[in-house]
Amino acid sequence: MAYLLIFDLDGRSTIRRKVNRYLRREAWMVQHSVWKFQDIRALQKAAEFILAAGGRALAFVESDRIFLARSEVKRFLEDVLNRTLAT
């Protein structure tokens, strides 16, 4: 099973370099700030590293069977962001 990690990290270069170094060892870059993992533990460690550095991270199970309308994706992302900010 494959997992996707989408993250946002501010421009501090040393932290971003460390995160990118870890990601290159453990995952494949799909797109800028979107990485594909085969191991859920490696994804969890990357997400914790990003969150500890003050960034935001979303993780998904990769699937070709989930189809969402644009409005559903927008609503889902807003809900996740609201939950992230509340914690």
C-alpha atoms as a PDB file:
ATOM      1  CA  MET A   1       0.000   0.000   0.000  1.00  0.00           C
ATOM      2  CA  ALA A   2       1.243   3.507  -0.754  1.00  0.00           C
ATOM      3  CA  TYR A   3       0.777   6.636   1.325  1.00  0.00           C
ATOM      4  CA  LEU A   4       1.009  10.300   0.368  1.00  0.00           C
ATOM      5  CA  LEU A   5       2.324  13.113   2.527  1.00  0.00           C
ATOM      6  CA  ILE A   6       1.583  16.728   1.684  1.00  0.00           C
ATOM      7  CA  PHE A   7       3.331  19.321   3.792  1.00  0.00           C
ATOM      8  CA  ASP A   8       3.934  23.022   4.191  1.00  0.00           C
ATOM      9  CA  LEU A   9       7.052  24.263   5.934  1.00  0.00           C
ATOM     10  CA  ASP A  10       8.181  27.854   6.212  1.00  0.00           C
ATOM     11  CA  GLY A  11      11.316  29.113   4.482  1.00  0.00           C
ATOM     12  CA  ARG A  12      13.886  28.324   7.195  1.00  0.00           C
ATOM     13  CA  SER A  13      16.517  26.701   5.037  1.00  0.00           C
ATOM     14  CA  THR A  14      18.274  24.472   7.609  1.00  0.00           C
ATOM     15  CA  ILE A  15      15.068  22.767   8.743  1.00  0.00           C
ATOM     16  CA  ARG A  16      13.789  22.434   5.190  1.00  0.00           C
ATOM     17  CA  ARG A  17      17.103  20.847   4.150  1.00  0.00           C
ATOM     18  CA  LYS A  18      16.921  18.312   6.979  1.00  0.00           C
ATOM     19  CA  VAL A  19      13.333  17.407   6.112  1.00  0.00           C
ATOM     20  CA  ASN A  20      14.148  17.063   2.412  1.00  0.00           C
ATOM     21  CA  ARG A  21      17.176  14.882   3.188  1.00  0.00           C
ATOM     22  CA  TYR A  22      15.024  12.537   5.236  1.00  0.00           C
ATOM     23  CA  LEU A  23      12.297  12.468   2.587  1.00  0.00           C
ATOM     24  CA  ARG A  24      14.759  11.626  -0.205  1.00  0.00           C
ATOM     25  CA  ARG A  25      15.966   8.617   1.804  1.00  0.00           C
ATOM     26  CA  GLU A  26      12.503   7.307   2.691  1.00  0.00           C
ATOM     27  CA  ALA A  27      10.104   8.393  -0.088  1.00  0.00           C
ATOM     28  CA  TRP A  28       9.655   9.418  -3.724  1.00  0.00           C
ATOM     29  CA  MET A  29       8.798  12.975  -4.683  1.00  0.00           C
ATOM     30  CA  VAL A  30       5.536  13.135  -6.614  1.00  0.00           C
ATOM     31  CA  GLN A  31       5.389  16.914  -6.772  1.00  0.00           C
ATOM     32  CA  HIS A  32       6.908  19.760  -4.764  1.00  0.00           C
ATOM     33  CA  SER A  33       5.879  19.107  -1.120  1.00  0.00           C
ATOM     34  CA  VAL A  34       4.051  15.892  -2.082  1.00  0.00           C
ATOM     35  CA  TRP A  35       5.865  12.644  -1.264  1.00  0.00           C
ATOM     36  CA  LYS A  36       4.935   8.986  -1.704  1.00  0.00           C
ATOM     37  CA  PHE A  37       5.822   6.410   0.979  1.00  0.00           C
ATOM     38  CA  GLN A  38       5.600   2.632   1.042  1.00  0.00           C
ATOM     39  CA  ASP A  39       6.172   2.423   4.810  1.00  0.00           C
ATOM     40  CA  ILE A  40       3.624   4.040   7.127  1.00  0.00           C
ATOM     41  CA  ARG A  41       6.166   4.303   9.960  1.00  0.00           C
ATOM     42  CA  ALA A  42       8.505   6.353   7.791  1.00  0.00           C
ATOM     43  CA  LEU A  43       5.569   8.609   6.853  1.00  0.00           C
ATOM     44  CA  GLN A  44       4.650   9.035  10.511  1.00  0.00           C
ATOM     45  CA  LYS A  45       8.225   9.954  11.415  1.00  0.00           C
ATOM     46  CA  ALA A  46       8.386  12.489   8.563  1.00  0.00           C
ATOM     47  CA  ALA A  47       5.074  14.060   9.609  1.00  0.00           C
ATOM     48  CA  GLU A  48       6.219  14.317  13.227  1.00  0.00           C
ATOM     49  CA  PHE A  49       9.489  15.906  12.098  1.00  0.00           C
ATOM     50  CA  ILE A  50       7.613  18.478   9.997  1.00  0.00           C
ATOM     51  CA  LEU A  51       5.135  19.276  12.778  1.00  0.00           C
ATOM     52  CA  ALA A  52       7.936  19.632  15.332  1.00  0.00           C
ATOM     53  CA  ALA A  53       9.612  22.130  12.981  1.00  0.00           C
ATOM     54  CA  GLY A  54       6.447  24.258  12.957  1.00  0.00           C
ATOM     55  CA  GLY A  55       5.072  23.065   9.620  1.00  0.00           C
ATOM     56  CA  ARG A  56       1.762  21.501   8.618  1.00  0.00           C
ATOM     57  CA  ALA A  57       1.302  18.004   7.218  1.00  0.00           C
ATOM     58  CA  LEU A  58      -1.522  15.945   5.720  1.00  0.00           C
ATOM     59  CA  ALA A  59      -1.283  12.210   5.068  1.00  0.00           C
ATOM     60  CA  PHE A  60      -3.461  10.094   2.780  1.00  0.00           C
ATOM     61  CA  VAL A  61      -3.695   6.511   1.639  1.00  0.00           C
ATOM     62  CA  GLU A  62      -3.078   6.529  -2.111  1.00  0.00           C
ATOM     63  CA  SER A  63      -6.034   5.094  -3.988  1.00  0.00           C
ATOM     64  CA  ASP A  64      -7.413   5.224  -7.480  1.00  0.00           C
ATOM     65  CA  ARG A  65     -10.892   4.331  -6.217  1.00  0.00           C
ATOM     66  CA  ILE A  66     -11.759   7.559  -4.438  1.00  0.00           C
ATOM     67  CA  PHE A  67     -13.362  10.202  -6.585  1.00  0.00           C
ATOM     68  CA  LEU A  68     -14.258  13.544  -5.066  1.00  0.00           C
ATOM     69  CA  ALA A  69     -15.810  16.581  -6.619  1.00  0.00           C
ATOM     70  CA  ARG A  70     -13.824  19.793  -6.385  1.00  0.00           C
ATOM     71  CA  SER A  71     -16.196  21.177  -3.738  1.00  0.00           C
ATOM     72  CA  GLU A  72     -15.791  18.010  -1.631  1.00  0.00           C
ATOM     73  CA  VAL A  73     -11.997  18.273  -1.742  1.00  0.00           C
ATOM     74  CA  LYS A  74     -12.140  21.942  -0.746  1.00  0.00           C
ATOM     75  CA  ARG A  75     -14.540  21.197   2.132  1.00  0.00           C
ATOM     76  CA  PHE A  76     -12.378  18.268   3.300  1.00  0.00           C
ATOM     77  CA  LEU A  77      -9.172  20.325   3.272  1.00  0.00           C
ATOM     78  CA  GLU A  78     -10.844  23.193   5.151  1.00  0.00           C
ATOM     79  CA  ASP A  79     -12.115  20.738   7.774  1.00  0.00           C
ATOM     80  CA  VAL A  80      -8.648  19.206   8.211  1.00  0.00           C
ATOM     81  CA  LEU A  81      -7.057  22.648   8.441  1.00  0.00           C
ATOM     82  CA  ASN A  82      -9.592  23.734  11.071  1.00  0.00           C
ATOM     83  CA  ARG A  83      -8.878  20.600  13.137  1.00  0.00           C
ATOM     84  CA  THR A  84      -5.130  21.156  12.801  1.00  0.00           C
ATOM     85  CA  LEU A  85      -5.385  24.760  13.970  1.00  0.00           C
ATOM     86  CA  ALA A  86      -7.633  23.792  16.891  1.00  0.00           C
ATOM     87  CA  THR A  87      -5.070  21.380  18.356  1.00  0.00           C
END
